Amino acid sequence: MRQYRLISASILACLCAAGLSSTVFANSSWVWISETRPYDVLPWAAVATLLVETAMLWLLCKLNHPFKVFCVVALGNLLSFALPYVLYYVNRIPWYTFFEMLEHGPYYIVGFVFLAMTLLVEMPVVYELLKNDCADVPKTRLLYTVIAANAITTAMVAIIERTFCRGHW
């Protein structure tokens, strides 16, 4: 098994590089061709995300207080939705305002990196605040449910965003 470790790691690195690559369009600019922008869709998607994640956690983990679950999920989502914007805003070009960045940004908001950021930020918050409330089920179920709920809702929002918001280089 040790003899294949380098080959396996190389294949895995190539697959990751292929999946996470981005195309460079030198001297071209991004143009939204639809009237709807990702930030127009985000409030509706956030509501749907909160409802789906709360329902999954409440039902699958048999939690007793749905309002507490909703508040914890809302806190986790708020932190995970805000962090990418804060990081991008901190590293922005100085003459753009926050809303100008959103208007002229050459990207969709939700993608694989967004899911990774969500799991890194939201999962510890939700898990730590709800782990004592799921006494009847294993703690691993809470962990896996948080991961699954975030993966499902991120995919849902990405599909919605790409359906209603169109742009090209």
Protein backbone atom coordinates (compact mmCIF):
# COMPACT_ATOMS: atom_id res chain seq x y z
CA MET A 1 0.00 0.00 0.00
CA ARG A 2 2.87 2.38 0.77
CA GLN A 3 4.26 2.00 -2.73
CA TYR A 4 1.11 3.49 -4.26
CA ARG A 5 0.86 6.46 -1.89
CA LEU A 6 2.73 8.86 -4.22
CA ILE A 7 0.73 7.77 -7.26
CA SER A 8 -2.56 8.06 -5.36
CA ALA A 9 -1.66 11.49 -4.02
CA SER A 10 -0.64 12.67 -7.50
CA ILE A 11 -3.89 11.45 -9.07
CA LEU A 12 -5.91 13.04 -6.29
CA ALA A 13 -4.04 16.34 -6.69
CA CYS A 14 -4.68 16.33 -10.45
CA LEU A 15 -8.37 15.62 -9.93
CA CYS A 16 -8.63 18.42 -7.37
CA ALA A 17 -6.74 20.82 -9.63
CA ALA A 18 -9.04 19.99 -12.53
CA GLY A 19 -12.13 20.44 -10.38
CA LEU A 20 -11.04 23.70 -8.82
CA SER A 21 -9.45 25.38 -11.82
CA SER A 22 -10.68 28.64 -13.24
CA THR A 23 -10.31 30.10 -16.68
CA VAL A 24 -8.44 33.35 -17.24
CA PHE A 25 -9.97 35.89 -19.59
CA ALA A 26 -7.28 38.52 -20.08
CA ASN A 27 -8.45 42.03 -20.95
CA SER A 28 -12.09 41.11 -20.86
CA SER A 29 -14.75 42.06 -18.38
CA TRP A 30 -17.70 40.28 -16.86
CA VAL A 31 -21.16 41.40 -17.95
CA TRP A 32 -24.43 40.36 -16.36
CA ILE A 33 -26.92 39.72 -19.18
CA SER A 34 -29.93 39.14 -16.94
CA GLU A 35 -31.71 41.76 -14.88
CA THR A 36 -31.43 39.54 -11.81
CA ARG A 37 -28.18 39.57 -9.90
CA PRO A 38 -27.00 37.05 -7.29
CA TYR A 39 -27.68 39.50 -4.48
CA ASP A 40 -31.30 39.77 -5.68
CA VAL A 41 -31.74 36.03 -5.23
CA LEU A 42 -29.80 35.76 -1.98
CA PRO A 43 -32.55 36.88 0.48
CA TRP A 44 -35.03 34.34 -0.88
CA ALA A 45 -32.38 31.64 -0.98
CA ALA A 46 -31.37 32.45 2.61
CA VAL A 47 -34.96 31.98 3.82
CA ALA A 48 -35.22 28.65 2.01
CA THR A 49 -31.84 27.60 3.40
CA LEU A 50 -32.87 28.42 6.97
CA LEU A 51 -36.11 26.48 6.65
CA VAL A 52 -34.53 23.40 5.07
CA GLU A 53 -31.61 23.24 7.49
CA THR A 54 -33.83 23.82 10.53
CA ALA A 55 -36.28 21.14 9.41
CA MET A 56 -33.52 18.62 8.74
CA LEU A 57 -31.83 19.20 12.09
CA TRP A 58 -35.07 19.28 14.05
CA LEU A 59 -36.53 16.14 12.47
CA LEU A 60 -33.45 13.96 11.93
CA CYS A 61 -31.75 14.75 15.24
CA LYS A 62 -34.99 14.79 17.27
CA LEU A 63 -34.30 18.16 18.86
CA ASN A 64 -36.95 19.47 21.25
CA HIS A 65 -36.84 23.21 20.67
CA PRO A 66 -37.45 24.16 17.02
CA PHE A 67 -37.14 27.88 17.73
CA LYS A 68 -33.69 27.38 19.30
CA VAL A 69 -32.67 25.24 16.32
CA PHE A 70 -33.87 27.98 13.96
CA CYS A 71 -31.94 30.67 15.87
CA VAL A 72 -28.73 28.60 15.94
CA VAL A 73 -29.02 27.80 12.22
CA ALA A 74 -29.70 31.48 11.50
CA LEU A 75 -26.61 32.51 13.47
CA GLY A 76 -24.44 29.94 11.73
CA ASN A 77 -25.74 30.94 8.31
CA LEU A 78 -25.31 34.63 9.02
CA LEU A 79 -21.68 34.06 9.96
CA SER A 80 -20.99 31.80 7.00
CA PHE A 81 -22.76 34.10 4.49
CA ALA A 82 -21.06 37.22 5.82
CA LEU A 83 -17.50 35.92 6.02
CA PRO A 84 -16.89 35.56 2.25
CA TYR A 85 -18.18 39.10 1.69
CA VAL A 86 -16.07 40.49 4.50
CA LEU A 87 -12.95 38.73 3.19
CA TYR A 88 -13.62 39.91 -0.35
CA TYR A 89 -14.40 43.45 0.83
CA VAL A 90 -11.19 43.61 2.87
CA ASN A 91 -9.16 42.54 -0.19
CA ARG A 92 -11.06 44.74 -2.64
CA ILE A 93 -9.87 47.37 -5.04
CA PRO A 94 -9.98 50.58 -2.95
CA TRP A 95 -12.20 52.69 -5.21
CA TYR A 96 -15.14 50.25 -5.32
CA THR A 97 -17.87 50.42 -2.71
CA PHE A 98 -19.33 47.20 -1.35
CA PHE A 99 -22.40 47.31 -3.62
CA GLU A 100 -20.31 48.20 -6.68
CA MET A 101 -18.25 45.08 -6.02
CA LEU A 102 -21.43 43.01 -5.94
CA GLU A 103 -22.70 44.61 -9.14
CA HIS A 104 -19.48 44.22 -11.12
CA GLY A 105 -18.11 41.07 -9.57
CA PRO A 106 -17.24 38.40 -12.11
CA TYR A 107 -18.58 35.48 -10.16
CA TYR A 108 -21.54 33.65 -8.84
CA ILE A 109 -21.76 33.79 -5.07
CA VAL A 110 -22.38 30.13 -4.32
CA GLY A 111 -19.96 27.39 -5.37
CA PHE A 112 -17.58 24.79 -3.99
CA VAL A 113 -15.46 27.33 -2.11
CA PHE A 114 -18.64 28.76 -0.59
CA LEU A 115 -19.60 25.25 0.62
CA ALA A 116 -16.15 24.76 2.14
CA MET A 117 -16.35 28.15 3.86
CA THR A 118 -19.85 27.33 5.10
CA LEU A 119 -18.73 24.03 6.57
CA LEU A 120 -15.68 25.60 8.19
CA VAL A 121 -17.69 28.39 9.80
CA GLU A 122 -21.24 27.12 10.27
CA MET A 123 -20.61 23.51 11.24
CA PRO A 124 -18.67 24.25 14.47
CA VAL A 125 -21.18 26.91 15.53
CA VAL A 126 -24.26 24.74 14.98
CA TYR A 127 -22.65 21.60 16.37
CA GLU A 128 -21.36 23.24 19.54
CA LEU A 129 -24.62 25.04 20.29
CA LEU A 130 -26.88 22.02 19.64
CA LYS A 131 -24.80 19.02 20.74
CA ASN A 132 -26.26 19.01 24.26
CA ASP A 133 -29.85 19.11 22.94
CA CYS A 134 -29.67 15.82 21.04
CA ALA A 135 -29.44 13.40 23.94
CA ASP A 136 -31.53 10.66 22.26
CA VAL A 137 -29.37 10.33 19.14
CA PRO A 138 -25.62 9.96 18.64
CA LYS A 139 -23.63 13.16 18.30
CA THR A 140 -22.30 11.91 14.96
CA ARG A 141 -25.84 12.12 13.56
CA LEU A 142 -25.90 15.83 14.38
CA LEU A 143 -22.52 16.29 12.70
CA TYR A 144 -23.53 14.38 9.56
CA THR A 145 -26.89 16.13 9.41
CA VAL A 146 -25.24 19.55 9.56
CA ILE A 147 -22.90 18.53 6.73
CA ALA A 148 -25.70 17.04 4.62
CA ALA A 149 -28.04 19.98 5.20
CA ASN A 150 -25.36 22.45 4.16
CA ALA A 151 -24.42 20.43 1.09
CA ILE A 152 -28.07 20.18 0.02
CA THR A 153 -28.87 23.84 0.59
CA THR A 154 -25.64 25.03 -1.05
CA ALA A 155 -26.42 22.95 -4.13
CA MET A 156 -30.00 24.26 -4.10
CA VAL A 157 -28.87 27.89 -3.91
CA ALA A 158 -26.20 27.38 -6.59
CA ILE A 159 -28.82 25.96 -8.96
CA ILE A 160 -31.25 28.80 -8.22
CA GLU A 161 -28.52 31.41 -8.65
CA ARG A 162 -27.34 30.01 -11.98
CA THR A 163 -30.92 29.64 -13.23
CA PHE A 164 -31.98 33.24 -12.56
CA CYS A 165 -28.67 35.10 -12.94
CA ARG A 166 -26.89 35.01 -16.29
CA GLY A 167 -23.55 36.52 -17.14
CA HIS A 168 -20.60 36.06 -19.46
CA TRP A 169 -17.12 37.37 -20.18
